[in-house]
Amino acid sequence: MISCNAGPNRRSPLALLAGIWLAVSVIGPLVPWSYEVILLVAFTLRSYWAAVALWAALPAAAIPIAVRRLIQGRYGAALLWSMLPIAAILLWVFGGAFESLVRFHLNKPTYDAIVTDAEAGRCTALDRRSWHAEVDVAHCGAPIVLVFLWGGFLSGWHGVVYDTTDQIILAPRERNAAWQGSDFGGILGCSKAYRTLGGHYYLARGDYVQSGSPPCE
């Protein structure tokens, strides 16, 4: 017998919000302009940690909900709600590295095509119009050095560097004289790679400086 009191199985707005939060937290950083959005939110709230607190508010609210569902014997719902703070912790600790690797491998075919053009000397303004990535620095002679920009603010930047000499992984003052004395070496004198991606690709960040400026420590 079907109970006359049975109503439609509607999901709560909070559950819908939790799903949106998870999707945005996982997929959002892969969007090219996500870094600028984070900076805008932090600037609007006048604090980076205020932005972090806003992001963590929903996972924090999920904890008492998970406990309540557990007490009620609704173990499946308790497990689902407990996954939200667990996901927040994992994203906070490992999310940046994971999302950077995913973003790099999604874009690697495009980067490889640009590297092929650079190797062939196809780096004119007309050639670069066909490049489907934002390339901030392009040196197509020997060595080949390319900076694929992911985001930045003022002189600060982060992204992927392709460097056939692998000097970018070294501290700025430890790079060889030829690299430091080049135009791109001067611009990247206060930038450094922090993760090796293989095949002369590196995750890097830093500040652009004027060519000819002394390298940073």
N, C-alpha and C. Protein backbone atom coordinates (compact mmCIF):
# COMPACT_ATOMS: atom_id res chain seq x y z
N MET A 1 0.85 -1.19 0.00
CA MET A 1 0.00 0.00 0.00
C MET A 1 0.89 1.25 0.00
N ILE A 2 0.51 2.22 -0.81
CA ILE A 2 1.25 3.47 -0.88
C ILE A 2 0.66 4.46 0.10
N SER A 3 1.48 5.03 0.94
CA SER A 3 1.01 5.99 1.93
C SER A 3 0.50 7.24 1.25
N CYS A 4 -0.64 7.73 1.78
CA CYS A 4 -1.22 8.96 1.21
C CYS A 4 -0.38 10.19 1.56
N ASN A 5 0.54 10.03 2.57
CA ASN A 5 1.35 11.16 2.99
C ASN A 5 2.66 11.27 2.21
N ALA A 6 2.87 10.28 1.33
CA ALA A 6 4.14 10.29 0.59
C ALA A 6 4.14 11.44 -0.41
N GLY A 7 5.12 12.27 -0.34
CA GLY A 7 5.24 13.40 -1.25
C GLY A 7 6.38 13.18 -2.21
N PRO A 8 6.58 14.09 -3.13
CA PRO A 8 7.68 13.95 -4.08
C PRO A 8 9.03 13.99 -3.37
N ASN A 9 9.98 13.22 -3.88
CA ASN A 9 11.32 13.15 -3.30
C ASN A 9 12.15 14.31 -3.83
N ARG A 10 12.04 15.41 -3.13
CA ARG A 10 12.73 16.61 -3.59
C ARG A 10 14.05 16.76 -2.85
N ARG A 11 15.08 17.13 -3.59
CA ARG A 11 16.36 17.38 -2.96
C ARG A 11 16.36 18.78 -2.35
N SER A 12 17.03 18.93 -1.22
CA SER A 12 17.06 20.22 -0.55
C SER A 12 17.94 21.19 -1.34
N PRO A 13 17.67 22.48 -1.21
CA PRO A 13 18.52 23.47 -1.88
C PRO A 13 19.98 23.37 -1.43
N LEU A 14 20.20 22.96 -0.16
CA LEU A 14 21.56 22.84 0.35
C LEU A 14 22.31 21.71 -0.37
N ALA A 15 21.58 20.61 -0.66
CA ALA A 15 22.20 19.50 -1.38
C ALA A 15 22.58 19.93 -2.79
N LEU A 16 21.71 20.71 -3.43
CA LEU A 16 22.01 21.23 -4.77
C LEU A 16 23.21 22.16 -4.72
N LEU A 17 23.26 23.00 -3.69
CA LEU A 17 24.38 23.92 -3.52
C LEU A 17 25.69 23.15 -3.30
N ALA A 18 25.60 22.03 -2.57
CA ALA A 18 26.79 21.21 -2.32
C ALA A 18 27.33 20.64 -3.63
N GLY A 19 26.42 20.19 -4.50
CA GLY A 19 26.84 19.67 -5.80
C GLY A 19 27.51 20.74 -6.65
N ILE A 20 26.94 21.96 -6.62
CA ILE A 20 27.53 23.07 -7.39
C ILE A 20 28.90 23.42 -6.83
N TRP A 21 29.02 23.44 -5.49
CA TRP A 21 30.30 23.76 -4.85
C TRP A 21 31.37 22.76 -5.28
N LEU A 22 31.02 21.48 -5.27
CA LEU A 22 32.00 20.44 -5.62
C LEU A 22 32.43 20.58 -7.08
N ALA A 23 31.46 20.82 -7.98
CA ALA A 23 31.77 20.95 -9.40
C ALA A 23 32.66 22.16 -9.66
N VAL A 24 32.33 23.29 -9.03
CA VAL A 24 33.12 24.51 -9.22
C VAL A 24 34.51 24.35 -8.64
N SER A 25 34.62 23.69 -7.48
CA SER A 25 35.93 23.53 -6.83
C SER A 25 36.85 22.63 -7.62
N VAL A 26 36.29 21.62 -8.28
CA VAL A 26 37.12 20.67 -9.03
C VAL A 26 37.40 21.17 -10.44
N ILE A 27 36.35 21.67 -11.12
CA ILE A 27 36.49 22.04 -12.53
C ILE A 27 36.90 23.50 -12.70
N GLY A 28 36.47 24.34 -11.77
CA GLY A 28 36.72 25.78 -11.89
C GLY A 28 38.17 26.15 -12.14
N PRO A 29 39.14 25.59 -11.37
CA PRO A 29 40.54 25.98 -11.59
C PRO A 29 41.08 25.64 -12.96
N LEU A 30 40.39 24.76 -13.70
CA LEU A 30 40.85 24.42 -15.05
C LEU A 30 40.47 25.48 -16.06
N VAL A 31 39.56 26.39 -15.70
CA VAL A 31 39.14 27.47 -16.58
C VAL A 31 40.26 28.51 -16.66
N PRO A 32 40.62 28.97 -17.86
CA PRO A 32 41.77 29.87 -18.00
C PRO A 32 41.74 31.12 -17.12
N TRP A 33 40.57 31.72 -16.88
CA TRP A 33 40.52 32.96 -16.13
C TRP A 33 40.19 32.75 -14.65
N SER A 34 40.31 31.51 -14.16
CA SER A 34 39.95 31.22 -12.77
C SER A 34 40.84 31.97 -11.78
N TYR A 35 42.14 32.11 -12.11
CA TYR A 35 43.07 32.79 -11.21
C TYR A 35 42.64 34.24 -11.00
N GLU A 36 42.23 34.89 -12.08
CA GLU A 36 41.79 36.29 -11.98
C GLU A 36 40.51 36.41 -11.16
N VAL A 37 39.61 35.42 -11.28
CA VAL A 37 38.37 35.43 -10.50
C VAL A 37 38.68 35.32 -9.01
N ILE A 38 39.62 34.44 -8.66
CA ILE A 38 40.01 34.28 -7.25
C ILE A 38 40.58 35.59 -6.71
N LEU A 39 41.44 36.23 -7.49
CA LEU A 39 42.01 37.52 -7.07
C LEU A 39 40.92 38.58 -6.90
N LEU A 40 39.93 38.57 -7.80
CA LEU A 40 38.85 39.55 -7.73
C LEU A 40 38.02 39.33 -6.46
N VAL A 41 37.73 38.07 -6.14
CA VAL A 41 36.97 37.77 -4.93
C VAL A 41 37.75 38.20 -3.69
N ALA A 42 39.04 37.86 -3.66
CA ALA A 42 39.87 38.24 -2.52
C ALA A 42 39.96 39.76 -2.39
N PHE A 43 40.07 40.45 -3.53
CA PHE A 43 40.13 41.91 -3.51
C PHE A 43 38.81 42.50 -3.02
N THR A 44 37.69 41.92 -3.47
CA THR A 44 36.38 42.41 -3.06
C THR A 44 36.18 42.23 -1.56
N LEU A 45 36.63 41.09 -1.03
CA LEU A 45 36.49 40.81 0.40
C LEU A 45 37.61 41.44 1.22
N ARG A 46 38.57 42.05 0.51
CA ARG A 46 39.71 42.73 1.14
C ARG A 46 40.60 41.77 1.95
N SER A 47 40.51 40.49 1.67
CA SER A 47 41.33 39.53 2.39
C SER A 47 41.34 38.19 1.66
N TYR A 48 42.53 37.61 1.48
CA TYR A 48 42.63 36.27 0.90
C TYR A 48 41.96 35.25 1.80
N TRP A 49 42.18 35.38 3.11
CA TRP A 49 41.63 34.39 4.04
C TRP A 49 40.12 34.50 4.17
N ALA A 50 39.58 35.67 3.92
CA ALA A 50 38.12 35.82 3.89
C ALA A 50 37.55 35.04 2.71
N ALA A 51 38.27 35.06 1.57
CA ALA A 51 37.84 34.28 0.41
C ALA A 51 37.92 32.79 0.70
N VAL A 52 38.97 32.38 1.41
CA VAL A 52 39.11 30.97 1.79
C VAL A 52 37.98 30.56 2.73
N ALA A 53 37.65 31.43 3.69
CA ALA A 53 36.57 31.14 4.64
C ALA A 53 35.23 31.00 3.92
N LEU A 54 35.02 31.85 2.90
CA LEU A 54 33.78 31.77 2.13
C LEU A 54 33.71 30.43 1.39
N TRP A 55 34.84 30.03 0.81
CA TRP A 55 34.90 28.75 0.09
C TRP A 55 34.67 27.57 1.03
N ALA A 56 35.19 27.67 2.26
CA ALA A 56 35.11 26.56 3.21
C ALA A 56 33.80 26.54 4.01
N ALA A 57 32.95 27.55 3.85
CA ALA A 57 31.73 27.65 4.66
C ALA A 57 30.80 26.46 4.45
N LEU A 58 30.60 26.06 3.21
CA LEU A 58 29.68 24.95 2.93
C LEU A 58 30.20 23.61 3.45
N PRO A 59 31.48 23.26 3.22
CA PRO A 59 31.99 22.03 3.82
C PRO A 59 31.90 22.03 5.34
N ALA A 60 32.12 23.19 5.96
CA ALA A 60 32.00 23.28 7.41
C ALA A 60 30.56 23.04 7.85
N ALA A 61 29.60 23.60 7.08
CA ALA A 61 28.18 23.39 7.41
C ALA A 61 27.76 21.95 7.21
N ALA A 62 28.47 21.22 6.34
CA ALA A 62 28.12 19.82 6.06
C ALA A 62 28.46 18.90 7.22
N ILE A 63 29.39 19.30 8.07
CA ILE A 63 29.81 18.42 9.17
C ILE A 63 28.66 18.15 10.15
N PRO A 64 27.98 19.18 10.71
CA PRO A 64 26.86 18.88 11.61
C PRO A 64 25.71 18.15 10.91
N ILE A 65 25.53 18.42 9.61
CA ILE A 65 24.48 17.71 8.87
C ILE A 65 24.82 16.23 8.79
N ALA A 66 26.09 15.91 8.52
CA ALA A 66 26.52 14.51 8.46
C ALA A 66 26.34 13.82 9.80
N VAL A 67 26.67 14.53 10.88
CA VAL A 67 26.51 13.96 12.24
C VAL A 67 25.04 13.71 12.54
N ARG A 68 24.18 14.64 12.16
CA ARG A 68 22.75 14.49 12.39
C ARG A 68 22.19 13.30 11.63
N ARG A 69 22.60 13.14 10.37
CA ARG A 69 22.14 12.00 9.57
C ARG A 69 22.63 10.69 10.17
N LEU A 70 23.84 10.70 10.72
CA LEU A 70 24.38 9.49 11.34
C LEU A 70 23.58 9.11 12.57
N ILE A 71 23.22 10.10 13.38
CA ILE A 71 22.41 9.84 14.59
C ILE A 71 21.03 9.32 14.19
N GLN A 72 20.50 9.82 13.10
CA GLN A 72 19.18 9.38 12.64
C GLN A 72 19.22 8.00 11.99
N GLY A 73 20.40 7.45 11.82
CA GLY A 73 20.53 6.13 11.19
C GLY A 73 20.49 6.19 9.68
N ARG A 74 20.60 7.37 9.12
CA ARG A 74 20.61 7.52 7.66
C ARG A 74 22.07 7.52 7.20
N TYR A 75 22.63 6.33 7.18
CA TYR A 75 24.07 6.19 6.98
C TYR A 75 24.52 6.61 5.57
N GLY A 76 23.71 6.33 4.59
CA GLY A 76 24.06 6.74 3.23
C GLY A 76 24.15 8.25 3.11
N ALA A 77 23.16 8.95 3.67
CA ALA A 77 23.17 10.41 3.63
C ALA A 77 24.32 10.97 4.44
N ALA A 78 24.61 10.32 5.59
CA ALA A 78 25.73 10.77 6.42
C ALA A 78 27.04 10.65 5.66
N LEU A 79 27.20 9.55 4.92
CA LEU A 79 28.42 9.35 4.14
C LEU A 79 28.55 10.41 3.05
N LEU A 80 27.44 10.69 2.36
CA LEU A 80 27.48 11.68 1.28
C LEU A 80 27.84 13.06 1.82
N TRP A 81 27.24 13.45 2.93
CA TRP A 81 27.53 14.77 3.48
C TRP A 81 28.95 14.85 4.03
N SER A 82 29.45 13.74 4.59
CA SER A 82 30.82 13.76 5.12
C SER A 82 31.86 13.87 4.00
N MET A 83 31.45 13.50 2.77
CA MET A 83 32.40 13.59 1.65
C MET A 83 32.74 15.03 1.31
N LEU A 84 31.86 15.97 1.66
CA LEU A 84 32.11 17.37 1.32
C LEU A 84 33.30 17.94 2.09
N PRO A 85 33.34 17.83 3.43
CA PRO A 85 34.54 18.33 4.12
C PRO A 85 35.79 17.53 3.78
N ILE A 86 35.64 16.23 3.52
CA ILE A 86 36.80 15.43 3.11
C ILE A 86 37.35 15.93 1.78
N ALA A 87 36.43 16.22 0.84
CA ALA A 87 36.84 16.75 -0.47
C ALA A 87 37.53 18.10 -0.30
N ALA A 88 37.01 18.94 0.61
CA ALA A 88 37.60 20.26 0.83
C ALA A 88 39.04 20.13 1.34
N ILE A 89 39.26 19.19 2.27
CA ILE A 89 40.61 18.99 2.81
C ILE A 89 41.56 18.49 1.71
N LEU A 90 41.09 17.52 0.91
CA LEU A 90 41.93 16.97 -0.16
C LEU A 90 42.24 18.04 -1.21
N LEU A 91 41.24 18.85 -1.54
CA LEU A 91 41.46 19.91 -2.53
C LEU A 91 42.42 20.96 -2.00
N TRP A 92 42.32 21.28 -0.73
CA TRP A 92 43.20 22.27 -0.13
C TRP A 92 44.65 21.79 -0.10
N VAL A 93 44.84 20.49 0.22
CA VAL A 93 46.19 19.95 0.35
C VAL A 93 46.78 19.56 -1.00
N PHE A 94 45.98 18.86 -1.83
CA PHE A 94 46.51 18.31 -3.08
C PHE A 94 45.91 18.93 -4.35
N GLY A 95 44.87 19.73 -4.19
CA GLY A 95 44.11 20.20 -5.35
C GLY A 95 44.92 20.98 -6.34
N GLY A 96 45.78 21.87 -5.86
CA GLY A 96 46.55 22.71 -6.77
C GLY A 96 47.44 21.89 -7.70
N ALA A 97 48.15 20.93 -7.13
CA ALA A 97 49.04 20.10 -7.94
C ALA A 97 48.25 19.24 -8.92
N PHE A 98 47.16 18.65 -8.46
CA PHE A 98 46.35 17.80 -9.32
C PHE A 98 45.75 18.59 -10.47
N GLU A 99 45.17 19.74 -10.17
CA GLU A 99 44.52 20.54 -11.20
C GLU A 99 45.54 21.08 -12.21
N SER A 100 46.74 21.42 -11.73
CA SER A 100 47.77 21.90 -12.66
C SER A 100 48.19 20.80 -13.63
N LEU A 101 48.34 19.58 -13.12
CA LEU A 101 48.73 18.46 -13.98
C LEU A 101 47.64 18.17 -15.01
N VAL A 102 46.38 18.18 -14.55
CA VAL A 102 45.27 17.93 -15.48
C VAL A 102 45.22 19.02 -16.54
N ARG A 103 45.35 20.25 -16.12
CA ARG A 103 45.29 21.37 -17.07
C ARG A 103 46.43 21.27 -18.08
N PHE A 104 47.62 20.91 -17.61
CA PHE A 104 48.76 20.80 -18.53
C PHE A 104 48.52 19.71 -19.57
N HIS A 105 48.08 18.53 -19.12
CA HIS A 105 47.91 17.42 -20.06
C HIS A 105 46.74 17.67 -21.02
N LEU A 106 45.74 18.42 -20.59
CA LEU A 106 44.66 18.78 -21.50
C LEU A 106 45.17 19.71 -22.62
N ASN A 107 46.12 20.56 -22.28
CA ASN A 107 46.63 21.55 -23.24
C ASN A 107 47.90 21.11 -23.94
N LYS A 108 48.48 19.98 -23.53
CA LYS A 108 49.78 19.58 -24.08
C LYS A 108 49.78 19.42 -25.60
N PRO A 109 48.76 18.84 -26.23
CA PRO A 109 48.79 18.77 -27.70
C PRO A 109 48.93 20.14 -28.35
N THR A 110 48.26 21.15 -27.78
CA THR A 110 48.39 22.52 -28.31
C THR A 110 49.80 23.04 -28.10
N TYR A 111 50.35 22.80 -26.90
CA TYR A 111 51.71 23.26 -26.62
C TYR A 111 52.72 22.58 -27.55
N ASP A 112 52.54 21.28 -27.77
CA ASP A 112 53.46 20.54 -28.65
C ASP A 112 53.43 21.10 -30.07
N ALA A 113 52.25 21.48 -30.54
CA ALA A 113 52.14 22.05 -31.88
C ALA A 113 52.88 23.39 -31.96
N ILE A 114 52.80 24.18 -30.90
CA ILE A 114 53.50 25.47 -30.88
C ILE A 114 55.01 25.25 -30.81
N VAL A 115 55.44 24.26 -30.04
CA VAL A 115 56.87 23.92 -29.97
C VAL A 115 57.37 23.51 -31.37
N THR A 116 56.57 22.74 -32.08
CA THR A 116 56.94 22.34 -33.45
C THR A 116 57.12 23.55 -34.34
N ASP A 117 56.22 24.52 -34.22
CA ASP A 117 56.35 25.76 -34.99
C ASP A 117 57.64 26.49 -34.61
N ALA A 118 57.92 26.55 -33.31
CA ALA A 118 59.12 27.25 -32.84
C ALA A 118 60.38 26.58 -33.36
N GLU A 119 60.39 25.26 -33.38
CA GLU A 119 61.54 24.52 -33.89
C GLU A 119 61.77 24.79 -35.38
N ALA A 120 60.68 25.05 -36.08
CA ALA A 120 60.77 25.33 -37.52
C ALA A 120 60.96 26.82 -37.80
N GLY A 121 61.04 27.63 -36.74
CA GLY A 121 61.23 29.06 -36.91
C GLY A 121 59.99 29.83 -37.29
N ARG A 122 58.82 29.19 -37.12
CA ARG A 122 57.56 29.87 -37.46
C ARG A 122 57.05 30.63 -36.24
N CYS A 123 57.60 31.81 -36.03
CA CYS A 123 57.26 32.60 -34.83
C CYS A 123 56.90 34.04 -35.16
N THR A 124 56.59 34.33 -36.39
CA THR A 124 56.21 35.69 -36.75
C THR A 124 54.84 36.02 -36.14
N ALA A 125 54.50 37.29 -36.17
CA ALA A 125 53.20 37.71 -35.64
C ALA A 125 52.07 36.98 -36.36
N LEU A 126 52.22 36.76 -37.65
CA LEU A 126 51.21 36.04 -38.42
C LEU A 126 51.13 34.58 -37.99
N ASP A 127 52.29 33.95 -37.77
CA ASP A 127 52.32 32.56 -37.32
C ASP A 127 51.64 32.43 -35.95
N ARG A 128 51.90 33.39 -35.08
CA ARG A 128 51.39 33.30 -33.70
C ARG A 128 49.88 33.46 -33.63
N ARG A 129 49.27 34.00 -34.67
CA ARG A 129 47.80 34.09 -34.68
C ARG A 129 47.15 32.72 -34.71
N SER A 130 47.87 31.72 -35.20
CA SER A 130 47.32 30.37 -35.27
C SER A 130 47.59 29.56 -34.00
N TRP A 131 48.31 30.15 -33.05
CA TRP A 131 48.60 29.45 -31.81
C TRP A 131 47.38 29.54 -30.88
N HIS A 132 46.88 28.41 -30.48
CA HIS A 132 45.68 28.38 -29.65
C HIS A 132 46.04 28.32 -28.17
N ALA A 133 46.95 29.19 -27.78
CA ALA A 133 47.34 29.31 -26.38
C ALA A 133 47.96 30.69 -26.20
N GLU A 134 47.91 31.21 -24.99
CA GLU A 134 48.50 32.52 -24.72
C GLU A 134 49.98 32.34 -24.43
N VAL A 135 50.82 32.82 -25.34
CA VAL A 135 52.28 32.69 -25.21
C VAL A 135 52.84 34.07 -24.90
N ASP A 136 53.39 34.24 -23.70
CA ASP A 136 53.90 35.54 -23.28
C ASP A 136 55.32 35.79 -23.78
N VAL A 137 56.14 34.75 -23.76
CA VAL A 137 57.52 34.85 -24.20
C VAL A 137 57.76 33.76 -25.23
N ALA A 138 58.35 34.12 -26.37
CA ALA A 138 58.62 33.13 -27.41
C ALA A 138 60.00 33.40 -28.01
N HIS A 139 60.93 32.51 -27.72
CA HIS A 139 62.26 32.58 -28.32
C HIS A 139 62.43 31.35 -29.19
N CYS A 140 62.48 31.55 -30.49
CA CYS A 140 62.46 30.42 -31.42
C CYS A 140 63.83 30.04 -31.96
N GLY A 141 64.86 30.78 -31.57
CA GLY A 141 66.20 30.37 -31.94
C GLY A 141 66.69 29.32 -30.96
N ALA A 142 67.98 29.03 -31.02
CA ALA A 142 68.55 28.11 -30.04
C ALA A 142 69.01 28.91 -28.83
N PRO A 143 68.51 28.63 -27.62
CA PRO A 143 67.55 27.57 -27.30
C PRO A 143 66.11 28.04 -27.49
N ILE A 144 65.20 27.09 -27.56
CA ILE A 144 63.78 27.41 -27.65
C ILE A 144 63.23 27.58 -26.24
N VAL A 145 62.67 28.74 -25.98
CA VAL A 145 62.06 29.03 -24.68
C VAL A 145 60.68 29.64 -24.94
N LEU A 146 59.67 29.03 -24.38
CA LEU A 146 58.29 29.50 -24.54
C LEU A 146 57.64 29.59 -23.17
N VAL A 147 56.90 30.65 -22.94
CA VAL A 147 56.13 30.80 -21.70
C VAL A 147 54.65 30.78 -22.05
N PHE A 148 53.97 29.73 -21.59
CA PHE A 148 52.52 29.61 -21.78
C PHE A 148 51.84 30.15 -20.53
N LEU A 149 51.22 31.30 -20.69
CA LEU A 149 50.66 32.01 -19.53
C LEU A 149 49.34 31.40 -19.09
N TRP A 150 49.23 31.16 -17.79
CA TRP A 150 47.96 30.68 -17.20
C TRP A 150 47.25 31.79 -16.43
N GLY A 151 47.98 32.72 -15.94
CA GLY A 151 47.36 33.80 -15.19
C GLY A 151 48.42 34.68 -14.56
N GLY A 152 47.97 35.79 -14.00
CA GLY A 152 48.91 36.68 -13.36
C GLY A 152 48.26 37.96 -12.92
N PHE A 153 49.02 38.76 -12.21
CA PHE A 153 48.52 40.05 -11.73
C PHE A 153 49.71 41.00 -11.68
N LEU A 154 49.58 42.14 -12.37
CA LEU A 154 50.68 43.09 -12.52
C LEU A 154 51.87 42.35 -13.13
N SER A 155 53.04 42.37 -12.47
CA SER A 155 54.21 41.70 -13.05
C SER A 155 54.26 40.22 -12.69
N GLY A 156 53.44 39.81 -11.72
CA GLY A 156 53.43 38.41 -11.31
C GLY A 156 52.72 37.53 -12.33
N TRP A 157 53.20 36.31 -12.48
CA TRP A 157 52.62 35.40 -13.46
C TRP A 157 52.81 33.96 -12.99
N HIS A 158 52.05 33.04 -13.59
CA HIS A 158 52.28 31.61 -13.42
C HIS A 158 51.82 30.90 -14.68
N GLY A 159 52.44 29.77 -14.93
CA GLY A 159 52.09 29.02 -16.13
C GLY A 159 53.08 27.92 -16.42
N VAL A 160 53.26 27.63 -17.70
CA VAL A 160 54.14 26.55 -18.14
C VAL A 160 55.28 27.14 -18.97
N VAL A 161 56.48 26.67 -18.70
CA VAL A 161 57.64 27.08 -19.48
C VAL A 161 58.19 25.87 -20.23
N TYR A 162 58.46 26.06 -21.52
CA TYR A 162 59.18 25.07 -22.30
C TYR A 162 60.58 25.61 -22.52
N ASP A 163 61.59 24.89 -22.05
CA ASP A 163 62.96 25.36 -22.11
C ASP A 163 63.87 24.21 -22.51
N THR A 164 64.41 24.24 -23.72
CA THR A 164 65.23 23.13 -24.20
C THR A 164 66.53 22.99 -23.42
N THR A 165 66.97 24.04 -22.74
CA THR A 165 68.20 23.95 -21.95
C THR A 165 67.94 23.54 -20.50
N ASP A 166 66.68 23.55 -20.09
CA ASP A 166 66.28 23.19 -18.72
C ASP A 166 66.90 24.11 -17.66
N GLN A 167 67.28 25.30 -18.05
CA GLN A 167 67.87 26.24 -17.09
C GLN A 167 66.83 26.83 -16.14
N ILE A 168 65.58 26.84 -16.56
CA ILE A 168 64.53 27.47 -15.75
C ILE A 168 64.33 26.79 -14.41
N ILE A 169 64.74 25.51 -14.30
CA ILE A 169 64.58 24.79 -13.04
C ILE A 169 65.62 25.22 -12.02
N LEU A 170 66.70 25.86 -12.49
CA LEU A 170 67.75 26.31 -11.59
C LEU A 170 67.39 27.65 -10.95
N ALA A 171 68.02 27.94 -9.83
CA ALA A 171 67.87 29.27 -9.22
C ALA A 171 68.39 30.32 -10.22
N PRO A 172 67.78 31.50 -10.28
CA PRO A 172 68.15 32.50 -11.30
C PRO A 172 69.65 32.75 -11.42
N ARG A 173 70.37 32.86 -10.30
CA ARG A 173 71.79 33.16 -10.36
C ARG A 173 72.65 31.95 -10.72
N GLU A 174 72.05 30.76 -10.74
CA GLU A 174 72.81 29.55 -11.08
C GLU A 174 72.70 29.20 -12.56
N ARG A 175 71.89 29.92 -13.31
CA ARG A 175 71.74 29.65 -14.74
C ARG A 175 72.99 30.13 -15.48
N ASN A 176 73.26 29.48 -16.61
CA ASN A 176 74.51 29.83 -17.32
C ASN A 176 74.45 31.25 -17.87
N ALA A 177 75.63 31.78 -18.16
CA ALA A 177 75.75 33.19 -18.55
C ALA A 177 74.99 33.49 -19.83
N ALA A 178 75.01 32.56 -20.78
CA ALA A 178 74.31 32.79 -22.05
C ALA A 178 72.81 32.92 -21.81
N TRP A 179 72.26 32.08 -20.95
CA TRP A 179 70.82 32.11 -20.66
C TRP A 179 70.48 33.42 -19.95
N GLN A 180 71.27 33.77 -18.94
CA GLN A 180 71.00 35.00 -18.18
C GLN A 180 71.13 36.24 -19.06
N GLY A 181 72.06 36.21 -20.03
CA GLY A 181 72.31 37.38 -20.85
C GLY A 181 71.35 37.56 -22.00
N SER A 182 70.49 36.58 -22.24
CA SER A 182 69.52 36.68 -23.33
C SER A 182 68.34 37.56 -22.94
N ASP A 183 67.55 37.96 -23.93
CA ASP A 183 66.36 38.77 -23.65
C ASP A 183 65.39 38.02 -22.75
N PHE A 184 65.12 36.74 -23.09
CA PHE A 184 64.16 35.98 -22.28
C PHE A 184 64.73 35.69 -20.90
N GLY A 185 66.08 35.49 -20.82
CA GLY A 185 66.70 35.24 -19.52
C GLY A 185 66.56 36.43 -18.59
N GLY A 186 66.64 37.64 -19.16
CA GLY A 186 66.44 38.83 -18.34
C GLY A 186 65.01 38.95 -17.86
N ILE A 187 64.07 38.72 -18.76
CA ILE A 187 62.65 38.81 -18.39
C ILE A 187 62.29 37.80 -17.31
N LEU A 188 62.90 36.61 -17.40
CA LEU A 188 62.61 35.53 -16.45
C LEU A 188 63.61 35.47 -15.31
N GLY A 189 64.32 36.57 -15.08
CA GLY A 189 65.35 36.60 -14.05
C GLY A 189 64.82 36.50 -12.63
N CYS A 190 63.54 36.73 -12.44
CA CYS A 190 62.93 36.59 -11.12
C CYS A 190 61.81 35.54 -11.15
N SER A 191 61.97 34.58 -12.04
CA SER A 191 60.99 33.49 -12.17
C SER A 191 61.71 32.16 -12.06
N LYS A 192 60.98 31.16 -11.60
CA LYS A 192 61.62 29.85 -11.41
C LYS A 192 60.59 28.75 -11.55
N ALA A 193 61.02 27.62 -12.09
CA ALA A 193 60.16 26.44 -12.17
C ALA A 193 60.06 25.79 -10.80
N TYR A 194 58.90 25.24 -10.49
CA TYR A 194 58.74 24.54 -9.22
C TYR A 194 58.27 23.10 -9.39
N ARG A 195 58.01 22.69 -10.63
CA ARG A 195 57.65 21.29 -10.87
C ARG A 195 58.05 20.90 -12.29
N THR A 196 58.72 19.74 -12.40
CA THR A 196 59.10 19.21 -13.70
C THR A 196 57.95 18.40 -14.29
N LEU A 197 57.64 18.66 -15.56
CA LEU A 197 56.54 17.97 -16.23
C LEU A 197 57.04 16.97 -17.27
N GLY A 198 58.33 16.98 -17.55
CA GLY A 198 58.90 16.08 -18.54
C GLY A 198 58.94 16.72 -19.93
N GLY A 199 59.90 16.28 -20.73
CA GLY A 199 60.00 16.79 -22.10
C GLY A 199 60.31 18.26 -22.19
N HIS A 200 61.11 18.81 -21.24
CA HIS A 200 61.50 20.23 -21.19
C HIS A 200 60.35 21.15 -20.76
N TYR A 201 59.24 20.58 -20.29
CA TYR A 201 58.13 21.40 -19.78
C TYR A 201 58.24 21.53 -18.26
N TYR A 202 57.88 22.73 -17.77
CA TYR A 202 57.93 22.99 -16.33
C TYR A 202 56.77 23.88 -15.92
N LEU A 203 56.25 23.63 -14.72
CA LEU A 203 55.36 24.60 -14.10
C LEU A 203 56.24 25.66 -13.47
N ALA A 204 55.92 26.91 -13.68
CA ALA A 204 56.78 27.98 -13.19
C ALA A 204 55.94 29.18 -12.78
N ARG A 205 56.58 30.06 -12.04
CA ARG A 205 55.92 31.30 -11.61
C ARG A 205 56.99 32.30 -11.22
N GLY A 206 56.58 33.52 -11.02
CA GLY A 206 57.52 34.55 -10.61
C GLY A 206 57.05 35.92 -11.02
N ASP A 207 58.00 36.81 -11.25
CA ASP A 207 57.71 38.18 -11.66
C ASP A 207 58.52 38.48 -12.91
N TYR A 208 57.87 39.07 -13.89
CA TYR A 208 58.60 39.55 -15.06
C TYR A 208 59.41 40.78 -14.67
N VAL A 209 60.63 40.84 -15.17
CA VAL A 209 61.48 42.02 -14.93
C VAL A 209 61.99 42.51 -16.28
N GLN A 210 62.51 43.71 -16.31
CA GLN A 210 63.04 44.26 -17.56
C GLN A 210 64.28 43.49 -17.97
N SER A 211 64.39 43.23 -19.27
CA SER A 211 65.57 42.55 -19.79
C SER A 211 66.82 43.37 -19.44
N GLY A 212 67.85 42.69 -18.96
CA GLY A 212 69.07 43.38 -18.54
C GLY A 212 69.14 43.62 -17.05
N SER A 213 68.03 43.40 -16.32
CA SER A 213 68.04 43.54 -14.87
C SER A 213 68.81 42.38 -14.25
N PRO A 214 69.46 42.60 -13.11
CA PRO A 214 70.17 41.49 -12.46
C PRO A 214 69.18 40.43 -11.98
N PRO A 215 69.56 39.16 -12.02
CA PRO A 215 68.65 38.11 -11.57
C PRO A 215 68.40 38.18 -10.07
N CYS A 216 67.25 37.67 -9.67
CA CYS A 216 66.90 37.64 -8.26
C CYS A 216 67.69 36.54 -7.56
N GLU A 217 67.68 36.59 -6.25
CA GLU A 217 68.35 35.53 -5.47
C GLU A 217 67.57 34.23 -5.59
